[in-house]
C-alpha cells in the first residue's frame, strides 16, 4: 500500500471542532539509518506493527494488527525510540480529514498535523487552511521516528 500525506507544524492546538481523540504510544524497532521503518503502535486498546519505506510525500506502508502479548514482548526493543501523543481528528472545509498530534513527555509542546490523500495530484494541489504552519512533509527531522530518537528539532 502507498501512503500519500502531507505534514505541517502547528503552534498550538487549533480551536476547531474535533470528532475524536485517542492516546497513542509508538516505538521504533529500527534505527534512523535503517532503510525500512519498523514501528510498534498502541492506539487505544488496539496494537499494530507497521513497516514503512521511503521518504516524503509518498511512502510504502504495510500494517498488521498484533495482540497485546506480542506488543508487550516486542516493546522493550523500542527503548530510547518512543513517542506518546494524543491524536485528534477533524474534517476540513474541503471534506478531507486532518489528524492533529499533540505530543507529550520529552516532546511536550510539539503539535503536528497530517492530511492523507487519494493521489499525488490531490496532495500537491492541496491548499492548507491558514491555521496550518510550515509544511514539513519533506523534512525528515519531523518524522515520528526521528522525533523519537532526536527530540524536537532546533530551527
N, C-alpha and C. Protein backbone atom coordinates (compact mmCIF):
# COMPACT_ATOMS: atom_id res chain seq x y z
N UNK A 1 0.83 -1.19 0.00
CA UNK A 1 0.00 0.00 0.00
C UNK A 1 0.87 1.24 0.00
N UNK A 2 0.35 2.29 -0.56
CA UNK A 2 1.02 3.59 -0.57
C UNK A 2 0.33 4.52 0.41
N UNK A 3 1.14 5.26 1.11
CA UNK A 3 0.63 6.31 1.99
C UNK A 3 1.01 7.63 1.33
N UNK A 4 0.01 8.47 1.07
CA UNK A 4 0.25 9.78 0.46
C UNK A 4 -0.26 10.82 1.45
N UNK A 5 0.66 11.53 2.08
CA UNK A 5 0.24 12.51 3.10
C UNK A 5 1.19 13.69 3.14
N UNK A 6 0.67 14.79 3.64
CA UNK A 6 1.46 15.98 3.91
C UNK A 6 1.38 16.27 5.40
N UNK A 7 2.49 16.78 5.93
CA UNK A 7 2.61 17.04 7.37
C UNK A 7 2.97 18.50 7.58
N UNK A 8 2.32 19.11 8.59
CA UNK A 8 2.50 20.52 8.89
C UNK A 8 2.75 20.74 10.37
N UNK A 9 3.55 21.75 10.68
CA UNK A 9 3.74 22.20 12.07
C UNK A 9 2.55 23.03 12.50
N UNK A 10 2.23 22.97 13.77
CA UNK A 10 1.22 23.85 14.37
C UNK A 10 1.87 24.52 15.57
N UNK A 11 1.45 25.73 15.89
CA UNK A 11 1.99 26.41 17.06
C UNK A 11 1.24 26.04 18.32
N UNK A 12 -0.01 25.58 18.15
CA UNK A 12 -0.84 25.19 19.29
C UNK A 12 -2.00 24.35 18.77
N UNK A 13 -2.76 23.83 19.69
CA UNK A 13 -3.96 23.08 19.32
C UNK A 13 -4.97 24.06 18.74
N UNK A 14 -5.46 23.80 17.52
CA UNK A 14 -6.39 24.75 16.90
C UNK A 14 -7.76 24.74 17.59
N UNK A 15 -8.45 25.83 17.47
CA UNK A 15 -9.80 25.95 18.02
C UNK A 15 -10.80 25.57 16.94
N UNK A 16 -10.92 24.25 16.73
CA UNK A 16 -11.84 23.70 15.74
C UNK A 16 -12.62 22.56 16.39
N UNK A 17 -13.67 22.12 15.74
CA UNK A 17 -14.47 21.01 16.25
C UNK A 17 -13.72 19.71 15.97
N UNK A 18 -13.44 18.96 17.04
CA UNK A 18 -12.75 17.68 16.91
C UNK A 18 -13.78 16.56 16.93
N UNK A 19 -13.57 15.56 16.08
CA UNK A 19 -14.50 14.44 16.02
C UNK A 19 -14.10 13.31 16.96
N UNK A 20 -12.81 13.15 17.20
CA UNK A 20 -12.35 12.10 18.10
C UNK A 20 -10.93 12.40 18.56
N UNK A 21 -10.59 11.85 19.70
CA UNK A 21 -9.23 11.95 20.23
C UNK A 21 -8.87 10.61 20.84
N UNK A 22 -7.65 10.15 20.58
CA UNK A 22 -7.19 8.86 21.10
C UNK A 22 -5.74 8.99 21.54
N UNK A 23 -5.38 8.25 22.58
CA UNK A 23 -3.99 8.22 23.04
C UNK A 23 -3.22 7.19 22.23
N UNK A 24 -2.02 7.58 21.82
CA UNK A 24 -1.16 6.70 21.02
C UNK A 24 0.22 6.67 21.66
N UNK A 25 0.76 5.47 21.74
CA UNK A 25 2.18 5.37 22.05
C UNK A 25 2.79 4.48 20.98
N UNK A 26 3.93 4.90 20.52
CA UNK A 26 4.58 4.12 19.49
C UNK A 26 6.08 4.14 19.71
N UNK A 27 6.70 3.05 19.27
CA UNK A 27 8.14 2.90 19.40
C UNK A 27 8.69 2.26 18.14
N UNK A 28 9.97 2.48 17.92
CA UNK A 28 10.61 2.04 16.70
C UNK A 28 11.65 0.97 17.00
N UNK A 29 11.49 -0.17 16.34
CA UNK A 29 12.47 -1.24 16.46
C UNK A 29 13.68 -0.90 15.61
N UNK A 30 13.45 -0.35 14.43
CA UNK A 30 14.54 0.04 13.54
C UNK A 30 15.13 1.37 13.99
N UNK A 31 16.36 1.60 13.59
CA UNK A 31 17.04 2.86 13.90
C UNK A 31 16.94 3.78 12.69
N UNK A 32 17.23 5.07 12.88
CA UNK A 32 17.03 6.05 11.81
C UNK A 32 17.86 5.76 10.57
N UNK A 33 18.98 5.10 10.68
CA UNK A 33 19.79 4.82 9.50
C UNK A 33 19.28 3.61 8.71
N UNK A 34 18.33 2.85 9.26
CA UNK A 34 17.76 1.70 8.56
C UNK A 34 16.84 2.17 7.44
N UNK A 35 16.84 1.47 6.31
CA UNK A 35 16.04 1.90 5.16
C UNK A 35 14.56 1.58 5.32
N UNK A 36 14.23 0.61 6.16
CA UNK A 36 12.84 0.26 6.42
C UNK A 36 12.52 0.59 7.88
N UNK A 37 11.42 1.29 8.08
CA UNK A 37 10.97 1.67 9.41
C UNK A 37 10.06 0.57 9.95
N UNK A 38 10.39 0.07 11.13
CA UNK A 38 9.55 -0.94 11.79
C UNK A 38 9.05 -0.32 13.08
N UNK A 39 7.73 -0.16 13.15
CA UNK A 39 7.12 0.57 14.26
C UNK A 39 6.12 -0.31 14.99
N UNK A 40 6.09 -0.18 16.31
CA UNK A 40 5.02 -0.74 17.14
C UNK A 40 4.13 0.41 17.56
N UNK A 41 2.82 0.18 17.56
CA UNK A 41 1.90 1.25 17.95
C UNK A 41 0.75 0.68 18.77
N UNK A 42 0.49 1.35 19.89
CA UNK A 42 -0.73 1.10 20.65
C UNK A 42 -1.62 2.30 20.43
N UNK A 43 -2.81 2.03 19.93
CA UNK A 43 -3.79 3.07 19.64
C UNK A 43 -5.05 2.69 20.40
N UNK A 44 -5.23 3.30 21.59
CA UNK A 44 -6.32 2.87 22.45
C UNK A 44 -6.07 1.45 22.90
N UNK A 45 -7.02 0.56 22.64
CA UNK A 45 -6.89 -0.85 23.02
C UNK A 45 -6.41 -1.73 21.86
N UNK A 46 -5.98 -1.14 20.75
CA UNK A 46 -5.54 -1.90 19.59
C UNK A 46 -4.02 -1.79 19.45
N UNK A 47 -3.42 -2.85 18.92
CA UNK A 47 -1.96 -2.94 18.82
C UNK A 47 -1.58 -3.30 17.38
N UNK A 48 -0.51 -2.64 16.88
CA UNK A 48 -0.12 -2.81 15.48
C UNK A 48 1.39 -2.86 15.33
N UNK A 49 1.84 -3.53 14.28
CA UNK A 49 3.21 -3.45 13.81
C UNK A 49 3.14 -2.92 12.38
N UNK A 50 3.93 -1.89 12.12
CA UNK A 50 3.89 -1.22 10.82
C UNK A 50 5.28 -1.21 10.20
N UNK A 51 5.31 -1.41 8.90
CA UNK A 51 6.53 -1.35 8.12
C UNK A 51 6.38 -0.22 7.11
N UNK A 52 7.35 0.71 7.09
CA UNK A 52 7.30 1.83 6.15
C UNK A 52 8.65 1.91 5.43
N UNK A 53 8.56 2.32 4.16
CA UNK A 53 9.78 2.51 3.37
C UNK A 53 9.59 3.75 2.51
N UNK A 54 10.66 4.55 2.43
CA UNK A 54 10.59 5.75 1.61
C UNK A 54 10.64 7.01 2.45
N UNK A 55 10.56 8.14 1.77
CA UNK A 55 10.69 9.44 2.41
C UNK A 55 9.75 10.42 1.75
N UNK A 56 9.20 11.34 2.49
CA UNK A 56 8.45 12.44 1.92
C UNK A 56 6.98 12.16 1.66
N UNK A 57 6.48 12.67 0.56
CA UNK A 57 5.06 12.68 0.24
C UNK A 57 4.46 11.29 0.06
N UNK A 58 5.16 10.39 -0.64
CA UNK A 58 4.63 9.05 -0.92
C UNK A 58 5.57 8.01 -0.33
N UNK A 59 5.01 7.12 0.49
CA UNK A 59 5.80 6.07 1.13
C UNK A 59 5.06 4.75 1.03
N UNK A 60 5.82 3.66 0.98
CA UNK A 60 5.22 2.33 1.07
C UNK A 60 4.91 2.06 2.53
N UNK A 61 3.74 1.44 2.77
CA UNK A 61 3.34 1.17 4.14
C UNK A 61 2.55 -0.14 4.21
N UNK A 62 2.87 -0.96 5.19
CA UNK A 62 2.10 -2.17 5.47
C UNK A 62 1.92 -2.25 6.98
N UNK A 63 0.69 -2.46 7.41
CA UNK A 63 0.39 -2.51 8.84
C UNK A 63 -0.38 -3.78 9.15
N UNK A 64 0.04 -4.45 10.24
CA UNK A 64 -0.68 -5.66 10.68
C UNK A 64 -1.07 -5.48 12.14
N UNK A 65 -2.22 -6.01 12.46
CA UNK A 65 -2.68 -5.96 13.85
C UNK A 65 -2.02 -7.11 14.60
N UNK A 66 -1.55 -6.81 15.80
CA UNK A 66 -0.95 -7.84 16.65
C UNK A 66 -1.68 -7.85 17.99
N UNK A 67 -1.46 -8.88 18.79
CA UNK A 67 -2.13 -8.92 20.09
C UNK A 67 -1.28 -8.22 21.15
N UNK A 68 -1.90 -7.96 22.28
CA UNK A 68 -1.23 -7.20 23.34
C UNK A 68 0.00 -7.93 23.87
N UNK A 69 -0.06 -9.26 23.98
CA UNK A 69 1.09 -10.02 24.48
C UNK A 69 2.30 -9.86 23.55
N UNK A 70 2.08 -9.92 22.24
CA UNK A 70 3.17 -9.73 21.29
C UNK A 70 3.72 -8.31 21.37
N UNK A 71 2.81 -7.34 21.50
CA UNK A 71 3.23 -5.95 21.64
C UNK A 71 4.12 -5.79 22.88
N UNK A 72 3.66 -6.31 24.01
CA UNK A 72 4.42 -6.20 25.26
C UNK A 72 5.77 -6.90 25.17
N UNK A 73 5.83 -8.01 24.44
CA UNK A 73 7.08 -8.74 24.27
C UNK A 73 8.08 -7.93 23.44
N UNK A 74 7.60 -7.27 22.40
CA UNK A 74 8.46 -6.51 21.50
C UNK A 74 8.78 -5.09 21.98
N UNK A 75 7.92 -4.51 22.83
CA UNK A 75 8.06 -3.11 23.24
C UNK A 75 9.45 -2.77 23.79
N UNK A 76 10.09 -3.62 24.61
CA UNK A 76 11.43 -3.26 25.11
C UNK A 76 12.46 -3.02 24.00
N UNK A 77 12.25 -3.57 22.82
CA UNK A 77 13.17 -3.36 21.70
C UNK A 77 13.14 -1.91 21.21
N UNK A 78 12.14 -1.14 21.63
CA UNK A 78 12.00 0.26 21.19
C UNK A 78 12.57 1.25 22.20
N UNK A 79 13.17 0.77 23.26
CA UNK A 79 13.68 1.67 24.30
C UNK A 79 14.58 2.74 23.70
N UNK A 80 14.32 3.99 24.07
CA UNK A 80 15.08 5.13 23.56
C UNK A 80 14.56 5.65 22.23
N UNK A 81 13.51 5.01 21.69
CA UNK A 81 12.94 5.41 20.39
C UNK A 81 11.41 5.35 20.49
N UNK A 82 10.86 6.11 21.43
CA UNK A 82 9.41 6.06 21.68
C UNK A 82 8.81 7.46 21.68
N UNK A 83 7.54 7.56 21.29
CA UNK A 83 6.79 8.80 21.39
C UNK A 83 5.40 8.50 21.96
N UNK A 84 4.86 9.49 22.63
CA UNK A 84 3.48 9.43 23.12
C UNK A 84 2.79 10.70 22.66
N UNK A 85 1.53 10.52 22.26
CA UNK A 85 0.79 11.67 21.76
C UNK A 85 -0.70 11.42 21.85
N UNK A 86 -1.45 12.51 21.80
CA UNK A 86 -2.90 12.45 21.66
C UNK A 86 -3.20 12.84 20.21
N UNK A 87 -3.93 11.99 19.52
CA UNK A 87 -4.29 12.27 18.13
C UNK A 87 -5.77 12.59 18.05
N UNK A 88 -6.04 13.76 17.49
CA UNK A 88 -7.42 14.19 17.29
C UNK A 88 -7.70 14.27 15.79
N UNK A 89 -8.95 14.02 15.42
CA UNK A 89 -9.34 14.12 14.02
C UNK A 89 -10.40 15.20 13.87
N UNK A 90 -10.34 15.85 12.72
CA UNK A 90 -11.34 16.86 12.37
C UNK A 90 -11.50 16.84 10.85
N UNK A 91 -12.62 17.37 10.40
CA UNK A 91 -12.88 17.46 8.97
C UNK A 91 -12.63 18.89 8.51
N UNK A 92 -11.85 19.02 7.45
CA UNK A 92 -11.57 20.33 6.88
C UNK A 92 -12.73 20.75 5.97
N UNK A 93 -12.75 22.02 5.59
CA UNK A 93 -13.84 22.56 4.76
C UNK A 93 -13.99 21.82 3.44
N UNK A 94 -12.88 21.29 2.90
CA UNK A 94 -12.94 20.58 1.61
C UNK A 94 -13.32 19.10 1.78
N UNK A 95 -13.65 18.70 3.03
CA UNK A 95 -14.07 17.32 3.30
C UNK A 95 -12.95 16.38 3.66
N UNK A 96 -11.70 16.81 3.54
CA UNK A 96 -10.57 15.97 3.92
C UNK A 96 -10.47 15.89 5.44
N UNK A 97 -9.88 14.82 5.91
CA UNK A 97 -9.67 14.63 7.35
C UNK A 97 -8.26 15.06 7.72
N UNK A 98 -8.15 15.82 8.80
CA UNK A 98 -6.85 16.19 9.34
C UNK A 98 -6.68 15.45 10.66
N UNK A 99 -5.48 14.90 10.87
CA UNK A 99 -5.13 14.29 12.14
C UNK A 99 -4.14 15.22 12.83
N UNK A 100 -4.46 15.61 14.06
CA UNK A 100 -3.66 16.56 14.81
C UNK A 100 -3.02 15.82 15.98
N UNK A 101 -1.69 15.85 16.03
CA UNK A 101 -0.96 15.18 17.10
C UNK A 101 -0.43 16.20 18.10
N UNK A 102 -0.80 16.01 19.35
CA UNK A 102 -0.25 16.79 20.46
C UNK A 102 0.66 15.85 21.25
N UNK A 103 1.95 16.08 21.18
CA UNK A 103 2.92 15.19 21.80
C UNK A 103 3.05 15.46 23.29
N UNK A 104 3.47 14.44 24.02
CA UNK A 104 3.69 14.58 25.46
C UNK A 104 5.09 14.06 25.80
N UNK A 105 5.40 14.00 27.09
CA UNK A 105 6.72 13.54 27.51
C UNK A 105 7.80 14.50 27.06
N UNK A 106 8.91 13.96 26.55
CA UNK A 106 10.04 14.80 26.13
C UNK A 106 9.70 15.65 24.91
N UNK A 107 8.60 15.33 24.21
CA UNK A 107 8.19 16.10 23.03
C UNK A 107 7.04 17.06 23.34
N UNK A 108 6.73 17.25 24.63
CA UNK A 108 5.64 18.14 25.02
C UNK A 108 5.84 19.51 24.41
N UNK A 109 4.75 20.09 23.90
CA UNK A 109 4.80 21.40 23.27
C UNK A 109 4.86 21.32 21.76
N UNK A 110 5.05 20.11 21.22
CA UNK A 110 5.10 19.94 19.77
C UNK A 110 3.72 19.53 19.26
N UNK A 111 3.27 20.21 18.22
CA UNK A 111 1.99 19.92 17.57
C UNK A 111 2.25 19.74 16.07
N UNK A 112 1.79 18.64 15.52
CA UNK A 112 1.88 18.39 14.09
C UNK A 112 0.52 17.97 13.58
N UNK A 113 0.25 18.22 12.32
CA UNK A 113 -0.97 17.69 11.72
C UNK A 113 -0.64 17.07 10.38
N UNK A 114 -1.44 16.07 10.01
CA UNK A 114 -1.24 15.34 8.77
C UNK A 114 -2.56 15.23 8.03
N UNK A 115 -2.47 15.29 6.71
CA UNK A 115 -3.64 15.09 5.86
C UNK A 115 -3.25 14.02 4.85
N UNK A 116 -4.07 12.96 4.75
CA UNK A 116 -3.84 11.90 3.77
C UNK A 116 -4.67 12.15 2.53
N UNK A 117 -4.13 11.74 1.39
CA UNK A 117 -4.76 12.00 0.10
C UNK A 117 -4.91 10.72 -0.71
N UNK A 118 -5.84 10.76 -1.65
CA UNK A 118 -6.09 9.63 -2.53
C UNK A 118 -5.07 9.48 -3.64
N UNK A 119 -4.43 10.58 -4.02
CA UNK A 119 -3.41 10.53 -5.08
C UNK A 119 -2.46 11.71 -4.93
N UNK A 120 -1.36 11.65 -5.67
CA UNK A 120 -0.34 12.69 -5.57
C UNK A 120 -0.82 14.05 -6.07
N UNK A 121 -1.64 14.07 -7.09
CA UNK A 121 -2.15 15.33 -7.62
C UNK A 121 -2.95 16.07 -6.55
N UNK A 122 -3.83 15.34 -5.88
CA UNK A 122 -4.63 15.94 -4.81
C UNK A 122 -3.71 16.47 -3.70
N UNK A 123 -2.67 15.74 -3.38
CA UNK A 123 -1.74 16.16 -2.33
C UNK A 123 -0.98 17.42 -2.73
N UNK A 124 -0.53 17.46 -3.95
CA UNK A 124 0.29 18.60 -4.40
C UNK A 124 -0.52 19.88 -4.61
N UNK A 125 -1.82 19.74 -4.91
CA UNK A 125 -2.65 20.92 -5.14
C UNK A 125 -3.41 21.36 -3.89
N UNK A 126 -3.25 20.63 -2.80
CA UNK A 126 -3.93 20.95 -1.54
C UNK A 126 -3.49 22.32 -1.04
N UNK A 127 -4.45 23.15 -0.70
CA UNK A 127 -4.18 24.46 -0.11
C UNK A 127 -4.55 24.37 1.37
N UNK A 128 -3.55 24.40 2.25
CA UNK A 128 -3.84 24.23 3.68
C UNK A 128 -4.57 25.44 4.27
N UNK A 129 -5.39 25.20 5.29
CA UNK A 129 -6.04 26.31 5.99
C UNK A 129 -4.99 27.25 6.61
N UNK A 130 -5.40 28.46 6.91
CA UNK A 130 -4.47 29.45 7.46
C UNK A 130 -3.87 29.03 8.79
N UNK A 131 -4.58 28.20 9.57
CA UNK A 131 -4.06 27.83 10.88
C UNK A 131 -2.98 26.76 10.82
N UNK A 132 -2.75 26.17 9.63
CA UNK A 132 -1.63 25.25 9.46
C UNK A 132 -0.35 26.07 9.46
N UNK A 133 0.70 25.50 9.99
CA UNK A 133 2.01 26.14 9.96
C UNK A 133 2.83 25.65 8.78
N UNK A 134 4.14 25.64 8.97
CA UNK A 134 5.07 25.25 7.91
C UNK A 134 4.84 23.82 7.45
N UNK A 135 4.99 23.59 6.15
CA UNK A 135 4.90 22.25 5.57
C UNK A 135 6.23 21.55 5.84
N UNK A 136 6.20 20.46 6.61
CA UNK A 136 7.41 19.72 6.96
C UNK A 136 7.39 18.31 6.37
N UNK A 137 6.59 18.12 5.34
CA UNK A 137 6.46 16.81 4.70
C UNK A 137 7.82 16.25 4.30
N UNK A 138 8.66 17.07 3.73
CA UNK A 138 9.96 16.61 3.21
C UNK A 138 11.09 16.77 4.24
N UNK A 139 10.78 17.24 5.43
CA UNK A 139 11.79 17.45 6.47
C UNK A 139 11.85 16.21 7.37
N UNK A 140 12.85 15.38 7.16
CA UNK A 140 12.94 14.11 7.89
C UNK A 140 13.07 14.29 9.40
N UNK A 141 13.43 15.47 9.87
CA UNK A 141 13.54 15.70 11.31
C UNK A 141 12.18 15.60 12.00
N UNK A 142 11.08 15.76 11.23
CA UNK A 142 9.74 15.73 11.80
C UNK A 142 9.04 14.38 11.61
N UNK A 143 9.76 13.39 11.10
CA UNK A 143 9.21 12.04 11.08
C UNK A 143 9.16 11.57 12.53
N UNK A 144 8.13 10.85 12.89
CA UNK A 144 8.00 10.39 14.27
C UNK A 144 9.21 9.58 14.72
N UNK A 145 9.77 8.81 13.81
CA UNK A 145 10.96 8.01 14.14
C UNK A 145 12.12 8.92 14.54
N UNK A 146 12.34 9.99 13.79
CA UNK A 146 13.39 10.94 14.10
C UNK A 146 13.10 11.67 15.42
N UNK A 147 11.85 12.06 15.61
CA UNK A 147 11.46 12.71 16.86
C UNK A 147 11.72 11.80 18.05
N UNK A 148 11.42 10.51 17.90
CA UNK A 148 11.63 9.54 18.98
C UNK A 148 13.11 9.43 19.33
N UNK A 149 13.97 9.51 18.35
CA UNK A 149 15.40 9.35 18.59
C UNK A 149 16.11 10.65 18.96
N UNK A 150 15.67 11.76 18.35
CA UNK A 150 16.43 13.01 18.45
C UNK A 150 15.73 14.15 19.17
N UNK A 151 14.45 14.00 19.45
CA UNK A 151 13.70 15.07 20.10
C UNK A 151 13.23 16.13 19.13
N UNK A 152 12.74 17.24 19.67
CA UNK A 152 12.22 18.33 18.85
C UNK A 152 13.36 19.02 18.13
N UNK A 153 13.25 19.18 16.80
CA UNK A 153 14.32 19.83 16.06
C UNK A 153 14.51 21.29 16.46
N UNK A 154 15.75 21.73 16.42
CA UNK A 154 16.04 23.14 16.63
C UNK A 154 16.11 23.77 15.26
N UNK A 155 15.42 24.87 15.06
CA UNK A 155 15.42 25.50 13.72
C UNK A 155 16.62 26.33 13.47
